[in-house]
N, C-alpha and C. Protein backbone atom coordinates (compact mmCIF):
# COMPACT_ATOMS: atom_id res chain seq x y z
N UNK A 1 22.40 -64.89 -16.15
CA UNK A 1 21.47 -63.77 -16.14
C UNK A 1 20.20 -64.21 -15.41
N UNK A 2 19.83 -63.48 -14.37
CA UNK A 2 18.62 -63.84 -13.64
C UNK A 2 17.40 -63.12 -14.23
N UNK A 3 16.23 -63.42 -13.66
CA UNK A 3 14.98 -62.87 -14.18
C UNK A 3 14.98 -61.35 -14.12
N UNK A 4 15.49 -60.80 -13.02
CA UNK A 4 15.51 -59.34 -12.87
C UNK A 4 16.35 -58.71 -13.98
N UNK A 5 17.51 -59.30 -14.28
CA UNK A 5 18.37 -58.78 -15.34
C UNK A 5 17.70 -58.88 -16.70
N UNK A 6 17.01 -60.00 -16.97
CA UNK A 6 16.37 -60.16 -18.27
C UNK A 6 15.20 -59.19 -18.42
N UNK A 7 14.48 -58.92 -17.33
CA UNK A 7 13.39 -57.95 -17.39
C UNK A 7 13.93 -56.56 -17.70
N UNK A 8 15.00 -56.21 -17.05
CA UNK A 8 15.61 -54.90 -17.29
C UNK A 8 16.11 -54.81 -18.73
N UNK A 9 16.70 -55.88 -19.23
CA UNK A 9 17.18 -55.89 -20.61
C UNK A 9 16.03 -55.76 -21.59
N UNK A 10 14.91 -56.42 -21.30
CA UNK A 10 13.73 -56.34 -22.16
C UNK A 10 13.21 -54.91 -22.22
N UNK A 11 13.08 -54.27 -21.06
CA UNK A 11 12.57 -52.90 -21.01
C UNK A 11 13.54 -51.94 -21.71
N UNK A 12 14.84 -52.17 -21.54
CA UNK A 12 15.83 -51.32 -22.20
C UNK A 12 15.73 -51.47 -23.72
N UNK A 13 15.54 -52.70 -24.18
CA UNK A 13 15.40 -52.95 -25.62
C UNK A 13 14.16 -52.26 -26.17
N UNK A 14 13.08 -52.30 -25.41
CA UNK A 14 11.86 -51.63 -25.84
C UNK A 14 12.07 -50.12 -25.95
N UNK A 15 12.77 -49.56 -24.97
CA UNK A 15 13.04 -48.13 -24.99
C UNK A 15 13.86 -47.74 -26.22
N UNK A 16 14.79 -48.61 -26.62
CA UNK A 16 15.66 -48.32 -27.75
C UNK A 16 14.92 -48.37 -29.07
N UNK A 17 13.84 -49.17 -29.15
CA UNK A 17 13.09 -49.24 -30.41
C UNK A 17 12.48 -47.90 -30.73
N UNK A 18 12.01 -47.19 -29.70
CA UNK A 18 11.54 -45.83 -29.86
C UNK A 18 10.30 -45.66 -30.71
N UNK A 19 9.67 -46.74 -31.15
CA UNK A 19 8.49 -46.55 -31.99
C UNK A 19 7.26 -46.18 -31.17
N UNK A 20 7.29 -46.39 -29.86
CA UNK A 20 6.21 -45.97 -28.99
C UNK A 20 4.88 -46.62 -29.30
N UNK A 21 4.89 -47.80 -29.89
CA UNK A 21 3.65 -48.49 -30.25
C UNK A 21 2.99 -49.06 -29.00
N UNK A 22 1.69 -48.86 -28.93
CA UNK A 22 0.90 -49.39 -27.82
C UNK A 22 0.19 -50.65 -28.28
N UNK A 23 0.31 -51.71 -27.48
CA UNK A 23 -0.39 -52.96 -27.76
C UNK A 23 -1.47 -53.10 -26.69
N UNK A 24 -2.73 -53.08 -27.14
CA UNK A 24 -3.87 -53.07 -26.23
C UNK A 24 -4.80 -54.23 -26.55
N UNK A 25 -5.38 -54.81 -25.49
CA UNK A 25 -6.40 -55.84 -25.65
C UNK A 25 -7.61 -55.41 -24.84
N UNK A 26 -8.76 -55.40 -25.50
CA UNK A 26 -10.01 -55.06 -24.83
C UNK A 26 -10.86 -56.32 -24.76
N UNK A 27 -11.12 -56.77 -23.54
CA UNK A 27 -11.96 -57.95 -23.31
C UNK A 27 -13.38 -57.47 -23.05
N UNK A 28 -14.32 -58.00 -23.84
CA UNK A 28 -15.73 -57.66 -23.69
C UNK A 28 -16.53 -58.94 -23.51
N UNK A 29 -17.75 -58.79 -23.00
CA UNK A 29 -18.65 -59.93 -22.79
C UNK A 29 -19.83 -59.77 -23.73
N UNK A 30 -19.72 -60.35 -24.93
CA UNK A 30 -20.79 -60.22 -25.90
C UNK A 30 -20.76 -58.85 -26.56
N UNK A 31 -21.79 -58.54 -27.31
CA UNK A 31 -21.86 -57.25 -28.00
C UNK A 31 -23.04 -56.42 -27.52
N UNK A 32 -23.25 -56.45 -26.20
CA UNK A 32 -24.30 -55.63 -25.60
C UNK A 32 -23.89 -54.17 -25.57
N UNK A 33 -24.76 -53.31 -25.06
CA UNK A 33 -24.49 -51.87 -25.03
C UNK A 33 -23.19 -51.49 -24.31
N UNK A 34 -22.88 -52.14 -23.19
CA UNK A 34 -21.65 -51.79 -22.45
C UNK A 34 -20.40 -52.14 -23.26
N UNK A 35 -20.45 -53.28 -23.92
CA UNK A 35 -19.30 -53.69 -24.74
C UNK A 35 -19.10 -52.74 -25.92
N UNK A 36 -20.18 -52.42 -26.62
CA UNK A 36 -20.11 -51.53 -27.77
C UNK A 36 -19.62 -50.15 -27.33
N UNK A 37 -20.11 -49.67 -26.18
CA UNK A 37 -19.68 -48.38 -25.67
C UNK A 37 -18.17 -48.40 -25.36
N UNK A 38 -17.69 -49.45 -24.72
CA UNK A 38 -16.26 -49.55 -24.39
C UNK A 38 -15.42 -49.58 -25.66
N UNK A 39 -15.85 -50.34 -26.67
CA UNK A 39 -15.11 -50.41 -27.94
C UNK A 39 -15.06 -49.03 -28.59
N UNK A 40 -16.20 -48.37 -28.69
CA UNK A 40 -16.24 -47.03 -29.29
C UNK A 40 -15.37 -46.04 -28.53
N UNK A 41 -15.45 -46.08 -27.20
CA UNK A 41 -14.68 -45.14 -26.38
C UNK A 41 -13.18 -45.35 -26.53
N UNK A 42 -12.72 -46.59 -26.49
CA UNK A 42 -11.27 -46.81 -26.57
C UNK A 42 -10.76 -46.52 -27.98
N UNK A 43 -11.55 -46.81 -28.99
CA UNK A 43 -11.14 -46.45 -30.36
C UNK A 43 -11.02 -44.94 -30.50
N UNK A 44 -11.96 -44.20 -29.93
CA UNK A 44 -11.92 -42.73 -29.99
C UNK A 44 -10.67 -42.20 -29.30
N UNK A 45 -10.38 -42.71 -28.11
CA UNK A 45 -9.20 -42.27 -27.36
C UNK A 45 -7.93 -42.59 -28.15
N UNK A 46 -7.85 -43.80 -28.69
CA UNK A 46 -6.65 -44.19 -29.44
C UNK A 46 -6.46 -43.34 -30.69
N UNK A 47 -7.53 -43.08 -31.42
CA UNK A 47 -7.41 -42.27 -32.63
C UNK A 47 -7.03 -40.83 -32.31
N UNK A 48 -7.50 -40.33 -31.17
CA UNK A 48 -7.19 -38.95 -30.80
C UNK A 48 -5.80 -38.79 -30.22
N UNK A 49 -5.38 -39.74 -29.37
CA UNK A 49 -4.11 -39.58 -28.64
C UNK A 49 -2.98 -40.47 -29.13
N UNK A 50 -3.29 -41.52 -29.90
CA UNK A 50 -2.26 -42.45 -30.38
C UNK A 50 -2.43 -42.75 -31.87
N UNK A 51 -2.72 -41.78 -32.70
CA UNK A 51 -2.97 -42.09 -34.11
C UNK A 51 -1.77 -42.78 -34.76
N UNK A 52 -2.05 -43.97 -35.33
CA UNK A 52 -0.99 -44.73 -36.01
C UNK A 52 0.01 -45.38 -35.09
N UNK A 53 -0.20 -45.29 -33.78
CA UNK A 53 0.78 -45.83 -32.83
C UNK A 53 0.18 -46.89 -31.92
N UNK A 54 -0.89 -47.53 -32.34
CA UNK A 54 -1.50 -48.52 -31.47
C UNK A 54 -2.00 -49.72 -32.25
N UNK A 55 -2.06 -50.82 -31.53
CA UNK A 55 -2.66 -52.05 -32.04
C UNK A 55 -3.71 -52.45 -31.02
N UNK A 56 -4.96 -52.52 -31.44
CA UNK A 56 -6.06 -52.85 -30.54
C UNK A 56 -6.69 -54.15 -30.98
N UNK A 57 -6.77 -55.09 -30.05
CA UNK A 57 -7.43 -56.36 -30.30
C UNK A 57 -8.62 -56.46 -29.36
N UNK A 58 -9.81 -56.70 -29.92
CA UNK A 58 -11.03 -56.84 -29.13
C UNK A 58 -11.33 -58.34 -29.03
N UNK A 59 -11.47 -58.82 -27.79
CA UNK A 59 -11.71 -60.24 -27.54
C UNK A 59 -13.02 -60.40 -26.80
N UNK A 60 -13.93 -61.16 -27.40
CA UNK A 60 -15.22 -61.46 -26.77
C UNK A 60 -15.04 -62.72 -25.92
N UNK A 61 -15.11 -62.54 -24.60
CA UNK A 61 -14.86 -63.68 -23.71
C UNK A 61 -16.00 -64.70 -23.74
N UNK A 62 -17.16 -64.34 -24.31
CA UNK A 62 -18.22 -65.34 -24.51
C UNK A 62 -17.81 -66.32 -25.60
N UNK A 63 -17.16 -65.81 -26.64
CA UNK A 63 -16.73 -66.65 -27.75
C UNK A 63 -15.42 -67.37 -27.46
N UNK A 64 -14.55 -66.73 -26.66
CA UNK A 64 -13.23 -67.28 -26.37
C UNK A 64 -12.96 -67.24 -24.86
N UNK A 65 -13.67 -68.06 -24.07
CA UNK A 65 -13.52 -67.99 -22.61
C UNK A 65 -12.12 -68.33 -22.12
N UNK A 66 -11.36 -69.08 -22.89
CA UNK A 66 -10.00 -69.43 -22.46
C UNK A 66 -9.13 -68.18 -22.34
N UNK A 67 -9.41 -67.16 -23.18
CA UNK A 67 -8.64 -65.92 -23.11
C UNK A 67 -8.91 -65.16 -21.82
N UNK A 68 -10.13 -65.27 -21.32
CA UNK A 68 -10.46 -64.63 -20.05
C UNK A 68 -9.66 -65.27 -18.92
N UNK A 69 -9.54 -66.58 -18.96
CA UNK A 69 -8.77 -67.29 -17.94
C UNK A 69 -7.29 -66.95 -18.05
N UNK A 70 -6.77 -67.01 -19.26
CA UNK A 70 -5.34 -66.72 -19.49
C UNK A 70 -4.99 -65.28 -19.11
N UNK A 71 -5.89 -64.35 -19.41
CA UNK A 71 -5.64 -62.95 -19.12
C UNK A 71 -6.03 -62.54 -17.71
N UNK A 72 -6.52 -63.50 -16.92
CA UNK A 72 -6.98 -63.25 -15.55
C UNK A 72 -8.01 -62.12 -15.53
N UNK A 73 -9.00 -62.23 -16.42
CA UNK A 73 -10.05 -61.22 -16.53
C UNK A 73 -11.17 -61.59 -15.56
N UNK A 74 -11.47 -60.67 -14.64
CA UNK A 74 -12.52 -60.94 -13.64
C UNK A 74 -13.77 -60.10 -13.89
N UNK A 75 -13.68 -59.13 -14.80
CA UNK A 75 -14.82 -58.29 -15.13
C UNK A 75 -14.67 -57.84 -16.59
N UNK A 76 -15.78 -57.53 -17.20
CA UNK A 76 -15.72 -57.04 -18.58
C UNK A 76 -16.64 -55.82 -18.68
N UNK A 77 -16.25 -54.84 -19.46
CA UNK A 77 -15.05 -54.74 -20.27
C UNK A 77 -13.79 -54.46 -19.44
N UNK A 78 -12.68 -55.05 -19.89
CA UNK A 78 -11.37 -54.81 -19.30
C UNK A 78 -10.39 -54.51 -20.42
N UNK A 79 -9.64 -53.42 -20.27
CA UNK A 79 -8.60 -53.07 -21.22
C UNK A 79 -7.26 -53.40 -20.60
N UNK A 80 -6.41 -54.11 -21.35
CA UNK A 80 -5.06 -54.41 -20.89
C UNK A 80 -4.08 -53.72 -21.82
N UNK A 81 -3.20 -52.92 -21.24
CA UNK A 81 -2.10 -52.30 -21.99
C UNK A 81 -0.90 -53.21 -21.79
N UNK A 82 -0.51 -53.92 -22.85
CA UNK A 82 0.62 -54.84 -22.75
C UNK A 82 1.94 -54.15 -23.02
N UNK A 83 1.96 -53.27 -24.00
CA UNK A 83 3.16 -52.51 -24.33
C UNK A 83 2.77 -51.06 -24.52
N UNK A 84 3.59 -50.14 -24.20
CA UNK A 84 4.88 -50.29 -23.51
C UNK A 84 4.68 -50.61 -22.03
N UNK A 85 5.71 -51.19 -21.41
CA UNK A 85 5.60 -51.51 -19.98
C UNK A 85 5.40 -50.24 -19.17
N UNK A 86 4.84 -50.34 -18.01
CA UNK A 86 4.38 -51.54 -17.33
C UNK A 86 2.97 -51.94 -17.79
N UNK A 87 2.65 -53.21 -17.61
CA UNK A 87 1.32 -53.72 -17.93
C UNK A 87 0.30 -53.01 -17.06
N UNK A 88 -0.82 -52.63 -17.66
CA UNK A 88 -1.90 -51.96 -16.92
C UNK A 88 -3.22 -52.61 -17.29
N UNK A 89 -4.16 -52.62 -16.32
CA UNK A 89 -5.52 -53.10 -16.55
C UNK A 89 -6.49 -52.02 -16.13
N UNK A 90 -7.46 -51.74 -17.02
CA UNK A 90 -8.52 -50.79 -16.72
C UNK A 90 -9.85 -51.51 -16.91
N UNK A 91 -10.74 -51.34 -15.96
CA UNK A 91 -12.04 -51.99 -16.02
C UNK A 91 -13.12 -50.93 -16.16
N UNK A 92 -14.08 -51.18 -17.05
CA UNK A 92 -15.22 -50.28 -17.19
C UNK A 92 -15.47 -49.90 -18.63
N UNK A 93 -16.31 -48.89 -18.82
CA UNK A 93 -16.78 -48.50 -20.14
C UNK A 93 -15.78 -47.67 -20.94
N UNK A 94 -14.70 -47.25 -20.31
CA UNK A 94 -13.67 -46.40 -20.92
C UNK A 94 -14.22 -45.03 -21.28
N UNK A 95 -15.34 -44.64 -20.65
CA UNK A 95 -15.97 -43.35 -20.94
C UNK A 95 -15.22 -42.19 -20.30
N UNK A 96 -14.52 -42.43 -19.21
CA UNK A 96 -13.77 -41.38 -18.52
C UNK A 96 -12.40 -41.24 -19.20
N UNK A 97 -12.32 -40.34 -20.16
CA UNK A 97 -11.11 -40.18 -20.96
C UNK A 97 -9.89 -39.90 -20.10
N UNK A 98 -10.03 -39.05 -19.09
CA UNK A 98 -8.90 -38.73 -18.22
C UNK A 98 -8.36 -39.98 -17.54
N UNK A 99 -9.25 -40.83 -17.03
CA UNK A 99 -8.84 -42.07 -16.36
C UNK A 99 -8.15 -43.01 -17.34
N UNK A 100 -8.65 -43.09 -18.55
CA UNK A 100 -8.03 -43.95 -19.57
C UNK A 100 -6.63 -43.42 -19.91
N UNK A 101 -6.50 -42.12 -20.08
CA UNK A 101 -5.19 -41.54 -20.40
C UNK A 101 -4.18 -41.79 -19.29
N UNK A 102 -4.61 -41.67 -18.04
CA UNK A 102 -3.72 -41.96 -16.90
C UNK A 102 -3.36 -43.44 -16.91
N UNK A 103 -4.35 -44.30 -17.15
CA UNK A 103 -4.11 -45.74 -17.18
C UNK A 103 -3.17 -46.18 -18.28
N UNK A 104 -3.18 -45.45 -19.39
CA UNK A 104 -2.28 -45.76 -20.50
C UNK A 104 -0.94 -45.05 -20.38
N UNK A 105 -0.74 -44.34 -19.29
CA UNK A 105 0.48 -43.56 -19.05
C UNK A 105 0.67 -42.47 -20.10
N UNK A 106 -0.42 -41.95 -20.61
CA UNK A 106 -0.35 -40.83 -21.55
C UNK A 106 -0.52 -39.50 -20.83
N UNK A 107 -1.00 -39.57 -19.61
CA UNK A 107 -1.20 -38.37 -18.80
C UNK A 107 -0.97 -38.76 -17.36
N UNK A 108 -0.36 -37.89 -16.61
CA UNK A 108 -0.10 -38.17 -15.20
C UNK A 108 -1.15 -37.52 -14.32
N UNK A 109 -1.48 -38.22 -13.24
CA UNK A 109 -2.45 -37.69 -12.27
C UNK A 109 -1.89 -36.42 -11.67
N UNK A 110 -2.71 -35.37 -11.59
CA UNK A 110 -2.23 -34.17 -10.93
C UNK A 110 -2.03 -34.43 -9.44
N UNK A 111 -1.01 -33.83 -8.89
CA UNK A 111 -0.74 -33.99 -7.46
C UNK A 111 -1.84 -33.33 -6.65
N UNK A 112 -2.27 -34.00 -5.60
CA UNK A 112 -3.32 -33.43 -4.74
C UNK A 112 -2.71 -32.33 -3.89
N UNK A 113 -3.45 -31.24 -3.78
CA UNK A 113 -2.94 -30.11 -2.99
C UNK A 113 -3.37 -30.21 -1.56
């Protein structure tokens, strides 16, 4: 079994679980206004659109800089959607709800006319 086959098998297994749980990590830099705003915004979006279906971990890269390196974080705040696939990264305050929903694959971008 090659890597491509194992990736396909992993995604198929995830689809079969059907629980639709979202695993999210929000990387922030300290607890300044931008970090607090991003935390509040993503919690609001999750509670409104994913009630009971998400796991959110907030990581302060000032306290745990190794996580920034491991997660390849180049700016903060950064939200990473680990599950369900595909992996997505969103950078910013998470204030634009539409952009967050598209980034989480909860809403599709309207086609340009």
